[in-house]
């Protein structure tokens, strides 16, 4: 058994760029990130030689032979989640028996929550994450906690976002109104009032996801480093208005979303009405879409947060952050580095924390965020 303090959090986000593994000491309120490691998914292939990243993206929408393909992906990702863990332990010079548990989010391939725009009277909401925890536990020898989202779904919740409960436990400061904004493939916000007010949080819409896919299609790059390409284009207001008219943006929380809605096919459908727009102008407009759909709900919230802290890969998109700073002025902005956790490791750390909550029999969800009927212990435990 571990020393009851050391946990590992595993995360592969909507962008499916890498598996992130974080070694965290949870002996105090503020998690201490002791070591971190990433496994790049770009060149990994399934047994049939299909690139794993393209299969993740393909399974986000209906297709042929889905059950077999999903389980091949499930087992393969389980192996690579275990690899990320074992390489992290080697880097940290630790043995598996020194770790209490792994908290593995898995890779989301389908998220279909109840919402204002889904036919919930005919179809039950669900969410699917792959990355077999049996395989992780077996190949690492460490107890693994996984499948965090489905209990919340069973309680009528969205199953996402789950990180606001972690944000509240770790980042809230009495007497200070704060917001935590995660900009991954999808962006989400957490509003921390600093008093006894209810916790609020939800997915705002596209984060990096659409920008990443667009630059991949046109420049064969995985992402727009620093927002450099977007900075060379012009925002097309008519296109922006078309994109922002999507009903999701006007839905009231609780709400969550993913690439099932905001994907490259949806973007192409919107672009059919704008045949003369250049690719670089589309990129600039997509960046503005992300900025406005993050900034607007923060500005509309009362009381307004006195400071906003960013995390996730989008924190390193300088053009995006500069635009958010302009839109959110005079509110101060910063990154979670200032709160003790580097922006790129907040989510992996959150799932280490969620594993601890599960093992201690404590709830991991926040009903005011997800819409669940009550708090619940999340996840299933797979002994090492």
Protein backbone atom coordinates (compact mmCIF):
# COMPACT_ATOMS: atom_id res chain seq x y z
CA UNK A 1 0.00 0.00 0.00
CA UNK A 2 1.01 3.61 -0.43
CA UNK A 3 1.67 6.14 2.28
CA UNK A 4 -1.91 7.52 1.91
CA UNK A 5 -0.55 10.75 0.47
CA UNK A 6 0.78 9.97 -3.01
CA UNK A 7 -1.65 9.67 -5.91
CA UNK A 8 -1.32 9.69 -9.68
CA UNK A 9 -3.80 11.45 -11.93
CA UNK A 10 -4.17 10.42 -15.58
CA UNK A 11 -5.82 12.66 -18.14
CA UNK A 12 -6.33 12.65 -21.89
CA UNK A 13 -8.42 15.62 -22.93
CA UNK A 14 -10.71 16.45 -25.81
CA UNK A 15 -7.80 17.37 -28.07
CA UNK A 16 -6.34 13.84 -27.66
CA UNK A 17 -2.80 15.18 -27.99
CA UNK A 18 -1.23 13.27 -25.12
CA UNK A 19 -1.73 11.26 -21.97
CA UNK A 20 -0.77 13.39 -18.98
CA UNK A 21 0.35 11.74 -15.76
CA UNK A 22 0.75 13.77 -12.57
CA UNK A 23 2.30 12.52 -9.32
CA UNK A 24 0.64 14.45 -6.51
CA UNK A 25 1.09 14.65 -2.75
CA UNK A 26 -2.39 15.16 -1.31
CA UNK A 27 -1.40 15.36 2.34
CA UNK A 28 -2.44 19.03 2.60
CA UNK A 29 -5.19 21.23 1.15
CA UNK A 30 -2.94 22.48 -1.62
CA UNK A 31 -1.83 19.53 -3.78
CA UNK A 32 1.90 19.36 -4.35
CA UNK A 33 2.84 18.35 -7.89
CA UNK A 34 5.93 16.19 -7.37
CA UNK A 35 6.51 14.99 -10.92
CA UNK A 36 4.76 14.98 -14.27
CA UNK A 37 5.06 13.06 -17.51
CA UNK A 38 3.33 13.02 -20.89
CA UNK A 39 3.05 10.37 -23.58
CA UNK A 40 2.52 11.88 -27.02
CA UNK A 41 -0.36 10.21 -28.87
CA UNK A 42 0.58 11.61 -32.30
CA UNK A 43 2.54 8.58 -33.54
CA UNK A 44 0.83 5.76 -31.62
CA UNK A 45 -1.12 3.23 -33.66
CA UNK A 46 -3.70 0.58 -32.88
CA UNK A 47 -2.92 -3.10 -33.64
CA UNK A 48 -4.42 -2.65 -37.13
CA UNK A 49 -2.03 0.33 -37.73
CA UNK A 50 -4.78 2.98 -37.46
CA UNK A 51 -3.38 6.16 -35.86
CA UNK A 52 -4.83 6.27 -32.37
CA UNK A 53 -5.60 9.99 -32.45
CA UNK A 54 -7.62 9.74 -35.64
CA UNK A 55 -9.55 6.76 -34.20
CA UNK A 56 -10.39 8.75 -31.05
CA UNK A 57 -11.74 11.54 -33.22
CA UNK A 58 -13.59 9.13 -35.52
CA UNK A 59 -15.35 7.39 -32.63
CA UNK A 60 -16.69 10.71 -31.41
CA UNK A 61 -19.30 10.40 -34.18
CA UNK A 62 -21.32 7.38 -35.33
CA UNK A 63 -19.62 4.97 -37.73
CA UNK A 64 -19.25 1.34 -38.77
CA UNK A 65 -18.08 -1.54 -36.56
CA UNK A 66 -18.05 0.75 -33.56
CA UNK A 67 -18.13 -1.88 -30.80
CA UNK A 68 -15.01 -3.70 -32.00
CA UNK A 69 -13.14 -0.47 -32.73
CA UNK A 70 -14.08 1.01 -29.36
CA UNK A 71 -12.77 -1.98 -27.44
CA UNK A 72 -9.55 -2.09 -29.41
CA UNK A 73 -9.07 1.57 -28.53
CA UNK A 74 -10.07 0.90 -24.91
CA UNK A 75 -7.42 -1.80 -24.43
CA UNK A 76 -4.71 0.08 -26.33
CA UNK A 77 -5.25 3.30 -24.40
CA UNK A 78 -5.25 1.29 -21.17
CA UNK A 79 -1.78 0.05 -22.09
CA UNK A 80 -0.54 3.57 -22.79
CA UNK A 81 -2.10 5.02 -19.63
CA UNK A 82 -0.16 2.31 -17.77
CA UNK A 83 2.99 3.18 -19.74
CA UNK A 84 2.62 6.86 -18.79
CA UNK A 85 2.28 5.85 -15.14
CA UNK A 86 5.29 3.52 -15.17
CA UNK A 87 7.47 6.07 -16.93
CA UNK A 88 6.38 8.71 -14.42
CA UNK A 89 7.36 6.43 -11.54
CA UNK A 90 10.76 5.81 -13.12
CA UNK A 91 11.25 9.57 -13.51
CA UNK A 92 10.26 10.14 -9.86
CA UNK A 93 12.33 7.15 -8.65
CA UNK A 94 9.34 5.61 -6.89
CA UNK A 95 7.92 2.10 -6.70
CA UNK A 96 4.25 1.21 -7.34
CA UNK A 97 3.73 0.23 -3.70
CA UNK A 98 4.47 3.83 -2.69
CA UNK A 99 1.38 5.06 -4.56
CA UNK A 100 -2.03 4.83 -2.95
CA UNK A 101 -4.04 4.98 -6.17
CA UNK A 102 -4.34 6.19 -9.72
CA UNK A 103 -7.29 8.35 -10.76
CA UNK A 104 -7.85 7.89 -14.49
CA UNK A 105 -10.26 10.10 -16.37
CA UNK A 106 -9.87 8.08 -19.57
CA UNK A 107 -10.41 9.41 -23.07
CA UNK A 108 -13.90 10.67 -23.83
CA UNK A 109 -15.15 9.39 -27.18
CA UNK A 110 -18.84 10.23 -26.82
CA UNK A 111 -20.65 12.66 -24.52
CA UNK A 112 -24.43 12.83 -24.83
CA UNK A 113 -25.81 14.60 -21.76
CA UNK A 114 -29.35 15.77 -21.23
CA UNK A 115 -29.80 19.35 -22.43
CA UNK A 116 -32.30 21.85 -23.75
CA UNK A 117 -31.52 20.70 -27.29
CA UNK A 118 -31.47 16.89 -26.99
CA UNK A 119 -34.60 14.72 -27.24
CA UNK A 120 -34.36 13.43 -23.67
CA UNK A 121 -37.92 12.15 -23.81
CA UNK A 122 -36.79 9.48 -26.31
CA UNK A 123 -33.08 8.96 -25.69
CA UNK A 124 -31.27 8.41 -22.42
CA UNK A 125 -28.19 10.58 -21.79
CA UNK A 126 -24.83 8.85 -21.53
CA UNK A 127 -21.09 9.44 -21.60
CA UNK A 128 -18.29 7.09 -22.72
CA UNK A 129 -14.63 7.16 -21.70
CA UNK A 130 -12.10 4.53 -22.78
CA UNK A 131 -8.72 3.51 -21.41
CA UNK A 132 -9.36 0.17 -19.69
CA UNK A 133 -8.75 0.53 -15.93
CA UNK A 134 -8.34 -3.24 -15.58
CA UNK A 135 -5.35 -3.01 -17.90
CA UNK A 136 -3.96 0.01 -16.03
CA UNK A 137 -4.22 -1.73 -12.65
CA UNK A 138 -2.70 -4.94 -13.97
CA UNK A 139 0.25 -3.35 -15.78
CA UNK A 140 1.09 -0.92 -12.97
CA UNK A 141 0.20 -2.94 -9.89
CA UNK A 142 -1.56 0.15 -8.50
CA UNK A 143 -5.20 0.42 -7.45
CA UNK A 144 -6.98 2.39 -10.16
CA UNK A 145 -10.11 4.49 -9.82
CA UNK A 146 -11.93 5.24 -13.07
CA UNK A 147 -15.37 5.77 -14.65
CA UNK A 148 -15.97 8.97 -12.72
CA UNK A 149 -18.70 10.47 -14.88
CA UNK A 150 -21.45 7.88 -15.20
CA UNK A 151 -22.68 7.97 -11.59
CA UNK A 152 -23.43 11.65 -11.99
CA UNK A 153 -25.27 10.89 -15.25
CA UNK A 154 -27.30 8.24 -13.40
CA UNK A 155 -28.34 10.93 -10.93
CA UNK A 156 -29.67 13.13 -13.71
CA UNK A 157 -26.50 15.19 -14.03
CA UNK A 158 -24.38 16.17 -17.01
CA UNK A 159 -21.45 14.04 -15.85
CA UNK A 160 -19.29 17.09 -16.59
CA UNK A 161 -17.50 19.22 -15.81
CA UNK A 162 -16.18 17.44 -12.72
CA UNK A 163 -13.16 19.64 -12.02
CA UNK A 164 -15.15 22.52 -10.39
CA UNK A 165 -15.44 20.50 -7.14
CA UNK A 166 -11.65 20.21 -7.15
CA UNK A 167 -11.27 23.89 -7.97
CA UNK A 168 -13.45 24.76 -4.99
CA UNK A 169 -11.57 22.46 -2.60
CA UNK A 170 -8.15 23.72 -3.68
CA UNK A 171 -8.47 27.22 -5.15
CA UNK A 172 -11.31 28.92 -3.27
CA UNK A 173 -10.27 31.65 -0.83
CA UNK A 174 -12.79 33.01 1.69
CA UNK A 175 -13.70 36.60 0.99
CA UNK A 176 -12.37 36.58 -2.57
CA UNK A 177 -14.45 36.07 -5.71
CA UNK A 178 -12.47 34.07 -8.27
CA UNK A 179 -13.01 32.26 -11.53
CA UNK A 180 -11.00 29.33 -12.86
CA UNK A 181 -11.07 28.94 -16.64
CA UNK A 182 -9.80 25.75 -18.25
CA UNK A 183 -9.08 26.10 -21.97
CA UNK A 184 -8.65 22.63 -23.39
CA UNK A 185 -10.31 21.24 -26.49
CA UNK A 186 -13.51 22.45 -24.83
CA UNK A 187 -13.41 25.39 -22.42
CA UNK A 188 -15.07 25.41 -19.02
CA UNK A 189 -15.42 27.93 -16.21
CA UNK A 190 -15.72 27.58 -12.44
CA UNK A 191 -17.06 30.49 -10.39
CA UNK A 192 -15.84 30.59 -6.79
CA UNK A 193 -17.73 33.18 -4.75
CA UNK A 194 -15.48 32.89 -1.69
CA UNK A 195 -18.52 32.59 0.60
CA UNK A 196 -21.37 30.17 1.17
CA UNK A 197 -22.90 30.75 -2.27
CA UNK A 198 -23.48 27.71 -4.41
CA UNK A 199 -20.68 26.53 -6.66
CA UNK A 200 -21.20 27.27 -10.36
CA UNK A 201 -19.39 25.85 -13.38
CA UNK A 202 -20.07 24.68 -16.92
CA UNK A 203 -18.60 24.18 -20.38
CA UNK A 204 -18.64 27.43 -22.33
CA UNK A 205 -18.02 25.88 -25.78
CA UNK A 206 -15.00 25.42 -28.05
CA UNK A 207 -11.61 26.01 -26.48
CA UNK A 208 -8.67 24.98 -28.62
CA UNK A 209 -10.50 22.16 -30.39
CA UNK A 210 -11.80 23.87 -33.52
CA UNK A 211 -8.67 25.99 -33.94
CA UNK A 212 -6.49 22.86 -33.69
CA UNK A 213 -8.50 20.97 -36.29
CA UNK A 214 -8.61 23.93 -38.69
CA UNK A 215 -4.85 24.53 -38.65
CA UNK A 216 -4.24 20.79 -38.99
CA UNK A 217 -6.39 20.73 -42.11
CA UNK A 218 -4.77 23.77 -43.73
CA UNK A 219 -1.19 23.87 -42.44
CA UNK A 220 -0.58 20.32 -41.20
CA UNK A 221 0.21 21.61 -37.71
CA UNK A 222 -1.23 20.17 -34.50
CA UNK A 223 -1.97 23.59 -33.04
CA UNK A 224 -1.51 27.31 -33.67
CA UNK A 225 1.50 28.05 -31.47
CA UNK A 226 0.91 31.23 -29.52
CA UNK A 227 -2.01 32.08 -31.83
CA UNK A 228 0.48 33.29 -34.45
CA UNK A 229 -1.54 32.20 -37.50
CA UNK A 230 -4.79 33.58 -36.08
CA UNK A 231 -3.08 36.92 -35.47
CA UNK A 232 -2.44 37.25 -39.22
CA UNK A 233 -6.13 37.01 -40.11
CA UNK A 234 -9.17 39.24 -39.85
CA UNK A 235 -12.25 38.47 -37.76
CA UNK A 236 -15.24 37.96 -40.06
CA UNK A 237 -18.17 39.30 -38.08
CA UNK A 238 -20.84 37.64 -40.19
CA UNK A 239 -19.21 34.23 -39.70
CA UNK A 240 -18.72 34.89 -35.99
CA UNK A 241 -22.40 35.78 -35.63
CA UNK A 242 -23.37 32.57 -37.44
CA UNK A 243 -21.16 30.43 -35.19
CA UNK A 244 -22.27 32.11 -32.00
CA UNK A 245 -25.94 31.64 -32.89
CA UNK A 246 -25.61 27.94 -32.02
CA UNK A 247 -28.33 27.17 -29.43
CA UNK A 248 -25.77 25.76 -26.98
CA UNK A 249 -24.45 29.22 -26.17
CA UNK A 250 -27.86 30.43 -25.01
CA UNK A 251 -28.64 27.35 -22.91
CA UNK A 252 -28.73 27.92 -19.18
CA UNK A 253 -26.44 25.84 -16.96
CA UNK A 254 -26.04 23.07 -15.98
CA UNK A 255 -24.62 22.27 -19.39
CA UNK A 256 -21.69 20.46 -20.96
CA UNK A 257 -20.58 19.75 -24.49
CA UNK A 258 -17.85 18.23 -26.64
CA UNK A 259 -16.71 17.47 -30.18
CA UNK A 260 -20.01 15.72 -30.85
CA UNK A 261 -21.39 19.23 -31.32
CA UNK A 262 -18.42 21.51 -32.02
CA UNK A 263 -16.51 19.60 -34.67
CA UNK A 264 -14.93 20.24 -38.06
CA UNK A 265 -18.06 19.01 -39.90
CA UNK A 266 -20.18 21.56 -38.02
CA UNK A 267 -17.68 24.27 -38.95
CA UNK A 268 -17.76 23.30 -42.64
CA UNK A 269 -21.56 23.46 -42.59
CA UNK A 270 -21.34 27.02 -41.28
CA UNK A 271 -18.72 27.93 -43.88
CA UNK A 272 -20.97 26.88 -46.77
CA UNK A 273 -22.61 30.29 -46.51
CA UNK A 274 -19.22 32.06 -46.69
CA UNK A 275 -17.37 30.55 -49.67
CA UNK A 276 -14.91 33.42 -50.15
CA UNK A 277 -13.43 33.51 -46.63
CA UNK A 278 -9.71 32.68 -46.48
CA UNK A 279 -8.45 29.97 -44.09
CA UNK A 280 -6.44 32.45 -42.03
CA UNK A 281 -9.53 34.61 -41.49
CA UNK A 282 -11.45 31.53 -40.36
CA UNK A 283 -8.71 30.86 -37.80
CA UNK A 284 -8.90 34.43 -36.52
CA UNK A 285 -12.68 34.14 -36.25
CA UNK A 286 -12.45 30.82 -34.38
CA UNK A 287 -10.10 32.41 -31.85
CA UNK A 288 -12.58 35.25 -31.37
CA UNK A 289 -15.40 32.71 -30.92
CA UNK A 290 -13.46 31.03 -28.10
CA UNK A 291 -12.61 34.36 -26.49
CA UNK A 292 -16.14 35.77 -26.60
CA UNK A 293 -17.87 32.61 -25.40
CA UNK A 294 -15.52 32.48 -22.40
CA UNK A 295 -15.63 36.19 -21.61
CA UNK A 296 -19.36 36.84 -21.96
CA UNK A 297 -20.59 34.50 -19.21
CA UNK A 298 -17.85 35.73 -16.89
CA UNK A 299 -18.88 39.35 -17.50
CA UNK A 300 -22.55 38.49 -17.00
CA UNK A 301 -21.97 36.72 -13.71
CA UNK A 302 -22.87 38.59 -10.52
CA UNK A 303 -20.87 39.27 -8.53
CA UNK A 304 -18.13 39.57 -11.11
CA UNK A 305 -14.99 37.63 -10.15
CA UNK A 306 -12.24 39.90 -8.87
CA UNK A 307 -9.59 37.76 -10.54
CA UNK A 308 -9.61 35.06 -13.20
CA UNK A 309 -7.05 32.25 -13.32
CA UNK A 310 -6.48 30.30 -16.54
CA UNK A 311 -5.34 26.72 -16.96
CA UNK A 312 -5.16 24.19 -19.80
CA UNK A 313 -3.21 24.34 -23.04
CA UNK A 314 -4.98 27.51 -24.18
CA UNK A 315 -3.14 29.41 -21.44
CA UNK A 316 -0.11 29.37 -23.76
CA UNK A 317 -1.99 30.88 -26.70
CA UNK A 318 -0.73 34.44 -26.20
CA UNK A 319 -3.09 36.00 -28.73
CA UNK A 320 -6.10 34.32 -27.12
CA UNK A 321 -5.10 35.37 -23.60
CA UNK A 322 -4.41 38.94 -24.76
CA UNK A 323 -7.85 39.06 -26.35
CA UNK A 324 -9.46 37.71 -23.17
CA UNK A 325 -7.59 40.30 -21.13
CA UNK A 326 -9.10 43.03 -23.34
CA UNK A 327 -12.61 41.58 -23.19
CA UNK A 328 -12.47 41.08 -19.41
CA UNK A 329 -10.88 44.43 -18.52
CA UNK A 330 -10.64 45.69 -15.78
CA UNK A 331 -10.78 42.25 -14.12
CA UNK A 332 -7.31 40.96 -13.29
CA UNK A 333 -6.21 37.74 -14.95
CA UNK A 334 -3.45 35.26 -14.22
CA UNK A 335 -2.71 31.54 -14.40
CA UNK A 336 -3.03 28.74 -11.85
CA UNK A 337 0.75 28.87 -11.53
CA UNK A 338 0.00 31.66 -9.07
CA UNK A 339 -2.17 29.25 -7.08
CA UNK A 340 0.47 26.53 -6.91
CA UNK A 341 -0.36 24.24 -9.86
CA UNK A 342 1.03 24.72 -13.40
CA UNK A 343 -1.78 25.30 -15.93
CA UNK A 344 -1.09 22.16 -17.96
CA UNK A 345 -1.32 19.86 -14.91
CA UNK A 346 -4.49 21.06 -13.20
CA UNK A 347 -6.80 18.46 -14.73
CA UNK A 348 -4.52 15.48 -14.11
CA UNK A 349 -4.09 16.69 -10.52
CA UNK A 350 -7.88 16.93 -10.23
CA UNK A 351 -8.30 13.25 -11.06
CA UNK A 352 -5.70 12.28 -8.50
CA UNK A 353 -7.82 14.24 -6.00
CA UNK A 354 -11.01 12.56 -7.23
CA UNK A 355 -9.42 9.14 -6.69
CA UNK A 356 -8.67 10.11 -3.10
CA UNK A 357 -12.26 11.28 -2.61
CA UNK A 358 -13.52 7.92 -3.87
CA UNK A 359 -11.24 5.83 -1.67
CA UNK A 360 -12.20 7.90 1.36
CA UNK A 361 -15.91 7.51 0.63
CA UNK A 362 -16.39 11.21 -0.09
CA UNK A 363 -18.42 12.77 -2.94
CA UNK A 364 -16.66 14.02 -6.06
CA UNK A 365 -19.43 15.82 -7.92
CA UNK A 366 -21.06 19.19 -7.35
CA UNK A 367 -24.82 19.01 -8.08
CA UNK A 368 -25.07 22.78 -8.60
CA UNK A 369 -22.58 22.34 -11.46
CA UNK A 370 -23.72 19.11 -13.10
CA UNK A 371 -27.42 19.15 -12.23
CA UNK A 372 -27.29 15.80 -10.42
CA UNK A 373 -29.98 15.24 -7.80
CA UNK A 374 -27.39 14.77 -5.05
CA UNK A 375 -23.72 14.45 -4.25
CA UNK A 376 -22.24 11.01 -4.84
CA UNK A 377 -19.09 8.98 -4.51
CA UNK A 378 -17.83 8.73 -8.07
CA UNK A 379 -16.00 6.04 -9.95
CA UNK A 380 -15.23 2.35 -9.65
CA UNK A 381 -12.20 0.87 -7.89
CA UNK A 382 -9.94 -1.67 -9.60
CA UNK A 383 -7.50 -3.15 -7.07
CA UNK A 384 -3.83 -3.30 -8.05
